[in-house]
C-alpha atoms as a PDB file:
ATOM      1  CA  MET A   1      86.617 130.666  62.986  1.00  0.00           C
ATOM      2  CA  LYS A   2      87.752 129.415  59.569  1.00  0.00           C
ATOM      3  CA  HIS A   3      90.243 132.277  59.248  1.00  0.00           C
ATOM      4  CA  PHE A   4      91.557 131.600  62.753  1.00  0.00           C
ATOM      5  CA  SER A   5      91.935 127.870  62.015  1.00  0.00           C
ATOM      6  CA  LEU A   6      93.798 128.675  58.791  1.00  0.00           C
ATOM      7  CA  PHE A   7      96.054 131.126  60.639  1.00  0.00           C
ATOM      8  CA  LEU A   8      96.765 128.545  63.371  1.00  0.00           C
ATOM      9  CA  PHE A   9      97.560 125.887  60.762  1.00  0.00           C
ATOM     10  CA  ILE A  10      99.966 128.205  58.934  1.00  0.00           C
ATOM     11  CA  LEU A  11     101.607 129.188  62.237  1.00  0.00           C
ATOM     12  CA  LEU A  12     102.138 125.553  63.248  1.00  0.00           C
ATOM     13  CA  CYS A  13     103.581 124.725  59.839  1.00  0.00           C
ATOM     14  CA  SER A  14     105.960 127.689  60.103  1.00  0.00           C
ATOM     15  CA  VAL A  15     107.104 126.617  63.566  1.00  0.00           C
ATOM     16  CA  ALA A  16     107.607 123.040  62.361  1.00  0.00           C
ATOM     17  CA  LEU A  17     109.668 124.181  59.371  1.00  0.00           C
ATOM     18  CA  THR A  18     111.746 126.502  61.543  1.00  0.00           C
ATOM     19  CA  TYR A  19     112.377 123.747  64.062  1.00  0.00           C
ATOM     20  CA  SER A  20     113.298 121.377  61.226  1.00  0.00           C
ATOM     21  CA  ASP A  21     115.789 123.891  59.841  1.00  0.00           C
ATOM     22  CA  ASP A  22     117.326 124.382  63.282  1.00  0.00           C
ATOM     23  CA  ASP A  23     117.654 120.627  63.670  1.00  0.00           C
ATOM     24  CA  LYS A  24     119.445 120.338  60.329  1.00  0.00           C
ATOM     25  CA  ALA A  25     121.792 123.160  61.228  1.00  0.00           C
ATOM     26  CA  ASP A  26     122.573 121.661  64.640  1.00  0.00           C
ATOM     27  CA  GLU A  27     122.349 117.943  63.927  1.00  0.00           C
ATOM     28  CA  ASN A  28     126.132 117.624  64.077  1.00  0.00           C
ATOM     29  CA  SER A  29     126.490 119.910  67.085  1.00  0.00           C
ATOM     30  CA  GLU A  30     125.572 119.665  70.748  1.00  0.00           C
ATOM     31  CA  SER A  31     122.178 120.877  71.924  1.00  0.00           C
ATOM     32  CA  LYS A  32     121.593 124.293  73.429  1.00  0.00           C
ATOM     33  CA  TYR A  33     120.521 122.696  76.699  1.00  0.00           C
ATOM     34  CA  TYR A  34     123.789 120.816  76.886  1.00  0.00           C
ATOM     35  CA  LYS A  35     125.875 123.875  76.095  1.00  0.00           C
ATOM     36  CA  VAL A  36     124.081 126.205  78.507  1.00  0.00           C
ATOM     37  CA  THR A  37     123.698 123.896  81.487  1.00  0.00           C
ATOM     38  CA  THR A  38     125.719 120.697  81.416  1.00  0.00           C
ATOM     39  CA  LYS A  39     129.010 122.111  80.160  1.00  0.00           C
ATOM     40  CA  ARG A  40     128.858 125.136  82.419  1.00  0.00           C
ATOM     41  CA  TYR A  41     127.565 123.350  85.536  1.00  0.00           C
ATOM     42  CA  PRO A  42     128.213 119.642  84.969  1.00  0.00           C
ATOM     43  CA  ASN A  43     127.619 118.469  88.549  1.00  0.00           C
ATOM     44  CA  TYR A  44     124.167 118.180  90.116  1.00  0.00           C
ATOM     45  CA  LEU A  45     124.034 117.609  93.878  1.00  0.00           C
ATOM     46  CA  GLY A  46     120.815 117.537  95.877  1.00  0.00           C
ATOM     47  CA  PHE A  47     117.978 115.379  97.104  1.00  0.00           C
ATOM     48  CA  ALA A  48     115.800 113.017  95.102  1.00  0.00           C
ATOM     49  CA  GLY A  49     113.268 110.324  95.746  1.00  0.00           C
ATOM     50  CA  GLY A  50     111.193 107.697  93.995  1.00  0.00           C
ATOM     51  CA  PHE A  51     110.447 104.005  93.706  1.00  0.00           C
ATOM     52  CA  ILE A  52     112.760 103.587  90.683  1.00  0.00           C
ATOM     53  CA  THR A  53     115.682 105.924  91.401  1.00  0.00           C
ATOM     54  CA  GLY A  54     115.764 105.346  95.151  1.00  0.00           C
ATOM     55  CA  HIS A  55     115.820 108.222  97.591  1.00  0.00           C
ATOM     56  CA  GLY A  56     118.072 110.409  99.673  1.00  0.00           C
ATOM     57  CA  LEU A  57     121.191 112.348  98.775  1.00  0.00           C
ATOM     58  CA  ALA A  58     121.621 112.336  94.994  1.00  0.00           C
ATOM     59  CA  TYR A  59     124.284 113.107  92.410  1.00  0.00           C
ATOM     60  CA  ARG A  60     123.392 113.549  88.732  1.00  0.00           C
ATOM     61  CA  ARG A  61     125.506 114.227  85.656  1.00  0.00           C
ATOM     62  CA  TRP A  62     125.055 114.259  81.909  1.00  0.00           C
ATOM     63  CA  ILE A  63     128.299 112.750  80.635  1.00  0.00           C
ATOM     64  CA  LYS A  64     127.366 113.291  76.996  1.00  0.00           C
ATOM     65  CA  ASP A  65     124.700 115.231  75.175  1.00  0.00           C
ATOM     66  CA  LYS A  66     122.320 112.276  75.103  1.00  0.00           C
ATOM     67  CA  ILE A  67     123.204 110.082  78.088  1.00  0.00           C
ATOM     68  CA  GLY A  68     123.687 110.613  81.813  1.00  0.00           C
ATOM     69  CA  PHE A  69     123.416 108.946  85.190  1.00  0.00           C
ATOM     70  CA  GLN A  70     122.186 109.514  88.729  1.00  0.00           C
ATOM     71  CA  ILE A  71     123.124 107.821  91.997  1.00  0.00           C
ATOM     72  CA  ASN A  72     121.178 107.949  95.263  1.00  0.00           C
ATOM     73  CA  VAL A  73     122.075 106.946  98.802  1.00  0.00           C
ATOM     74  CA  LEU A  74     120.218 107.226 102.126  1.00  0.00           C
ATOM     75  CA  PRO A  75     121.649 105.647 105.298  1.00  0.00           C
ATOM     76  CA  ILE A  76     119.438 105.828 108.414  1.00  0.00           C
ATOM     77  CA  TYR A  77     120.264 103.903 111.582  1.00  0.00           C
ATOM     78  CA  LYS A  78     119.194 104.521 115.174  1.00  0.00           C
ATOM     79  CA  GLU A  79     119.972 102.750 118.455  1.00  0.00           C
ATOM     80  CA  GLU A  80     117.886 103.153 121.604  1.00  0.00           C
ATOM     81  CA  LYS A  81     118.588 101.809 125.081  1.00  0.00           C
ATOM     82  CA  TYR A  82     116.158 101.669 127.994  1.00  0.00           C
ATOM     83  CA  PRO A  83     117.927 101.345 131.339  1.00  0.00           C
ATOM     84  CA  GLU A  84     116.056 100.224 134.427  1.00  0.00           C
ATOM     85  CA  ASP A  85     115.980 103.652 136.036  1.00  0.00           C
ATOM     86  CA  GLY A  86     112.274 104.036 136.580  1.00  0.00           C
ATOM     87  CA  TYR A  87     111.830 106.374 133.602  1.00  0.00           C
ATOM     88  CA  TYR A  88     109.053 105.641 131.123  1.00  0.00           C
ATOM     89  CA  TYR A  89     110.533 105.056 127.628  1.00  0.00           C
ATOM     90  CA  GLN A  90     107.674 104.886 125.122  1.00  0.00           C
ATOM     91  CA  GLU A  91     106.216 101.755 126.685  1.00  0.00           C
ATOM     92  CA  ARG A  92     109.645 100.121 126.870  1.00  0.00           C
ATOM     93  CA  ASP A  93     110.988  99.709 130.398  1.00  0.00           C
ATOM     94  CA  SER A  94     114.365  98.059 129.839  1.00  0.00           C
ATOM     95  CA  GLY A  95     116.548  96.621 127.089  1.00  0.00           C
ATOM     96  CA  TYR A  96     117.319  98.005 123.618  1.00  0.00           C
ATOM     97  CA  TYR A  97     115.738  98.595 120.225  1.00  0.00           C
ATOM     98  CA  ASN A  98     117.671  99.341 116.994  1.00  0.00           C
ATOM     99  CA  ASN A  99     116.298 100.032 113.529  1.00  0.00           C
ATOM    100  CA  GLY A 100     117.728 101.170 110.234  1.00  0.00           C
ATOM    101  CA  ASN A 101     116.911 101.750 106.593  1.00  0.00           C
ATOM    102  CA  ILE A 102     119.694 101.872 104.013  1.00  0.00           C
ATOM    103  CA  ASN A 103     118.841 102.658 100.405  1.00  0.00           C
ATOM    104  CA  PHE A 104     121.100 103.067  97.387  1.00  0.00           C
ATOM    105  CA  GLY A 105     120.251 103.244  93.712  1.00  0.00           C
ATOM    106  CA  GLY A 106     121.565 103.922  90.230  1.00  0.00           C
ATOM    107  CA  THR A 107     119.738 105.372  87.239  1.00  0.00           C
ATOM    108  CA  PHE A 108     120.620 105.592  83.551  1.00  0.00           C
ATOM    109  CA  LEU A 109     119.316 108.682  81.710  1.00  0.00           C
ATOM    110  CA  ILE A 110     118.773 109.192  78.005  1.00  0.00           C
ATOM    111  CA  LYS A 111     117.717 112.388  76.218  1.00  0.00           C
ATOM    112  CA  PHE A 112     114.706 112.404  73.908  1.00  0.00           C
ATOM    113  CA  VAL A 113     114.629 116.082  72.930  1.00  0.00           C
ATOM    114  CA  ASP A 114     115.354 119.412  74.570  1.00  0.00           C
ATOM    115  CA  VAL A 115     114.951 123.131  74.191  1.00  0.00           C
ATOM    116  CA  ARG A 116     116.816 125.936  75.913  1.00  0.00           C
ATOM    117  CA  TYR A 117     115.507 125.379  79.446  1.00  0.00           C
ATOM    118  CA  ILE A 118     113.743 121.988  79.376  1.00  0.00           C
ATOM    119  CA  ARG A 119     114.940 118.487  78.583  1.00  0.00           C
ATOM    120  CA  PHE A 120     112.607 115.545  77.919  1.00  0.00           C
ATOM    121  CA  LEU A 121     114.192 112.277  78.933  1.00  0.00           C
ATOM    122  CA  GLY A 122     113.766 108.592  79.571  1.00  0.00           C
ATOM    123  CA  TYR A 123     115.223 106.696  82.509  1.00  0.00           C
ATOM    124  CA  VAL A 124     115.934 103.168  83.688  1.00  0.00           C
ATOM    125  CA  GLY A 125     116.857 102.586  87.316  1.00  0.00           C
ATOM    126  CA  VAL A 126     117.321 100.057  90.071  1.00  0.00           C
ATOM    127  CA  ASN A 127     117.614 100.496  93.824  1.00  0.00           C
ATOM    128  CA  ASN A 128     118.139  98.304  96.858  1.00  0.00           C
ATOM    129  CA  THR A 129     116.696  98.832 100.338  1.00  0.00           C
ATOM    130  CA  ILE A 130     117.970  97.020 103.424  1.00  0.00           C
ATOM    131  CA  GLU A 131     115.700  97.237 106.464  1.00  0.00           C
ATOM    132  CA  ILE A 132     117.110  96.288 109.855  1.00  0.00           C
ATOM    133  CA  GLU A 133     115.105  95.861 113.055  1.00  0.00           C
ATOM    134  CA  GLU A 134     116.398  94.239 116.225  1.00  0.00           C
ATOM    135  CA  GLY A 135     115.535  94.553 119.865  1.00  0.00           C
ATOM    136  CA  ASN A 136     115.289  92.836 123.219  1.00  0.00           C
ATOM    137  CA  TYR A 137     113.200  94.735 125.732  1.00  0.00           C
ATOM    138  CA  TYR A 138     110.450  94.594 128.335  1.00  0.00           C
ATOM    139  CA  TYR A 139     107.416  96.786 128.000  1.00  0.00           C
ATOM    140  CA  THR A 140     104.283  97.553 129.978  1.00  0.00           C
ATOM    141  CA  GLN A 141     100.760  97.271 128.705  1.00  0.00           C
ATOM    142  CA  ARG A 142      97.602  98.611 130.320  1.00  0.00           C
ATOM    143  CA  LYS A 143      94.468  96.512 129.911  1.00  0.00           C
ATOM    144  CA  TRP A 144      90.952  97.002 131.183  1.00  0.00           C
ATOM    145  CA  ASP A 145      89.819  94.219 133.525  1.00  0.00           C
ATOM    146  CA  SER A 146      86.037  94.010 133.703  1.00  0.00           C
ATOM    147  CA  ASN A 147      86.230  91.782 136.774  1.00  0.00           C
ATOM    148  CA  ILE A 148      87.637  94.568 138.909  1.00  0.00           C
ATOM    149  CA  ASP A 149      86.398  97.513 136.799  1.00  0.00           C
ATOM    150  CA  ASP A 150      89.869  98.935 136.579  1.00  0.00           C
ATOM    151  CA  TYR A 151      93.053  98.879 134.531  1.00  0.00           C
ATOM    152  CA  ILE A 152      95.749  96.320 135.166  1.00  0.00           C
ATOM    153  CA  VAL A 153      99.387  96.665 134.106  1.00  0.00           C
ATOM    154  CA  GLU A 154     101.164  93.720 132.509  1.00  0.00           C
ATOM    155  CA  THR A 155     104.885  93.439 131.819  1.00  0.00           C
ATOM    156  CA  LYS A 156     105.792  91.627 128.597  1.00  0.00           C
ATOM    157  CA  HIS A 157     109.007  90.611 126.890  1.00  0.00           C
ATOM    158  CA  SER A 158     109.709  91.189 123.194  1.00  0.00           C
ATOM    159  CA  VAL A 159     112.602  89.937 121.053  1.00  0.00           C
ATOM    160  CA  ILE A 160     112.974  91.232 117.477  1.00  0.00           C
ATOM    161  CA  ASP A 161     115.561  90.213 114.895  1.00  0.00           C
ATOM    162  CA  ARG A 162     114.518  91.062 111.341  1.00  0.00           C
ATOM    163  CA  THR A 163     116.410  92.000 108.194  1.00  0.00           C
ATOM    164  CA  ASP A 164     114.702  92.524 104.859  1.00  0.00           C
ATOM    165  CA  ASN A 165     116.299  93.066 101.466  1.00  0.00           C
ATOM    166  CA  ILE A 166     114.065  94.756  98.885  1.00  0.00           C
ATOM    167  CA  LEU A 167     115.162  95.053  95.257  1.00  0.00           C
ATOM    168  CA  ALA A 168     113.241  97.423  92.968  1.00  0.00           C
ATOM    169  CA  GLY A 169     113.628  98.705  89.432  1.00  0.00           C
ATOM    170  CA  GLY A 170     111.753 100.103  86.491  1.00  0.00           C
ATOM    171  CA  LEU A 171     111.640 102.613  83.658  1.00  0.00           C
ATOM    172  CA  GLY A 172     109.770 105.706  82.596  1.00  0.00           C
ATOM    173  CA  ALA A 173     110.005 109.217  81.164  1.00  0.00           C
ATOM    174  CA  GLY A 174     109.914 112.778  82.416  1.00  0.00           C
ATOM    175  CA  VAL A 175     111.317 116.282  82.224  1.00  0.00           C
ATOM    176  CA  GLU A 176     114.338 118.074  83.645  1.00  0.00           C
ATOM    177  CA  PHE A 177     114.526 121.879  83.818  1.00  0.00           C
ATOM    178  CA  TYR A 178     116.601 124.527  85.521  1.00  0.00           C
ATOM    179  CA  VAL A 179     116.140 127.920  87.165  1.00  0.00           C
ATOM    180  CA  PHE A 180     119.410 129.822  87.666  1.00  0.00           C
ATOM    181  CA  ARG A 181     121.777 127.405  89.473  1.00  0.00           C
ATOM    182  CA  PHE A 182     119.019 125.014  90.522  1.00  0.00           C
ATOM    183  CA  GLY A 183     117.886 121.959  88.579  1.00  0.00           C
ATOM    184  CA  PHE A 184     114.587 120.134  88.950  1.00  0.00           C
ATOM    185  CA  ASN A 185     113.115 116.970  87.529  1.00  0.00           C
ATOM    186  CA  ILE A 186     109.881 115.030  87.704  1.00  0.00           C
ATOM    187  CA  MET A 187     109.495 111.620  86.093  1.00  0.00           C
ATOM    188  CA  LEU A 188     106.731 109.040  85.812  1.00  0.00           C
ATOM    189  CA  GLY A 189     107.256 105.343  85.291  1.00  0.00           C
ATOM    190  CA  LEU A 190     106.402 101.770  86.161  1.00  0.00           C
ATOM    191  CA  TYR A 191     108.376  99.772  88.695  1.00  0.00           C
ATOM    192  CA  SER A 192     108.446  96.320  90.241  1.00  0.00           C
ATOM    193  CA  SER A 193     109.954  95.183  93.545  1.00  0.00           C
ATOM    194  CA  TYR A 194     110.715  91.971  95.376  1.00  0.00           C
ATOM    195  CA  SER A 195     111.059  91.411  99.130  1.00  0.00           C
ATOM    196  CA  PHE A 196     113.481  88.578  99.881  1.00  0.00           C
ATOM    197  CA  GLU A 197     112.274  88.124 103.473  1.00  0.00           C
ATOM    198  CA  LYS A 198     108.541  88.149 102.756  1.00  0.00           C
ATOM    199  CA  GLU A 199     108.974  86.614  99.272  1.00  0.00           C
ATOM    200  CA  THR A 200     106.443  89.046  97.840  1.00  0.00           C
ATOM    201  CA  LYS A 201     106.329  90.900  94.513  1.00  0.00           C
ATOM    202  CA  ASN A 202     104.870  94.290  93.654  1.00  0.00           C
ATOM    203  CA  ILE A 203     104.205  96.163  90.397  1.00  0.00           C
ATOM    204  CA  SER A 204     103.007  99.773  90.606  1.00  0.00           C
ATOM    205  CA  PRO A 205     103.298 103.217  89.002  1.00  0.00           C
ATOM    206  CA  SER A 206     106.208 105.330  90.199  1.00  0.00           C
ATOM    207  CA  ILE A 207     106.772 109.050  90.650  1.00  0.00           C
ATOM    208  CA  ASP A 208     110.415 110.118  90.845  1.00  0.00           C
ATOM    209  CA  GLY A 209     111.720 113.619  91.303  1.00  0.00           C
ATOM    210  CA  GLY A 210     114.520 115.734  92.670  1.00  0.00           C
ATOM    211  CA  ILE A 211     115.944 119.156  93.342  1.00  0.00           C
ATOM    212  CA  PHE A 212     119.635 119.889  92.746  1.00  0.00           C
ATOM    213  CA  PHE A 213     122.220 122.618  93.025  1.00  0.00           C
ATOM    214  CA  ARG A 214     124.392 122.771  89.908  1.00  0.00           C
ATOM    215  CA  PHE A 215     128.097 123.563  90.064  1.00  0.00           C
END
């Protein structure tokens, strides 16, 4: 065991010295990761999600060896109408119901260190979510009536008009790596958010990640 420990210590020292020499030789040049990936395929387009970066369609780019950025956008909006035609529409008999979720975010990236295929990085991001919900419809509700030992059907009216604006942001660290023309990243951080409608705050851990095609 002593001989193995001595061998391991010597091996680690050799690796450290080699890495130090490589750093001195390349300290005035761009990193291998930057040369192999970013200069050849500078554009990253794909899907990403997280509490800090935001979620949806994403574009990422390293504009220099040590700094980069990512933008995310996800627009979702749906309108539903329930005409009085006798058809049963998910407990809504007539009227309309619309809902949407629009998210967009921006993230600043900074390189810590990288090797040929992996880059260790830090990130700071902020994203904004707008939630929309509006409706004016009648719906049916079945209730058990113990007086008659049977179900009764009640028709009720519902009016909804709600818009919430949620701002979130945070920071953390993670890794980015590539396989052929595909890039991947997973990042861990801490984020906080604020809901303007509910006037509530939240602080929680965040997991952010993405998959991209590089071109």
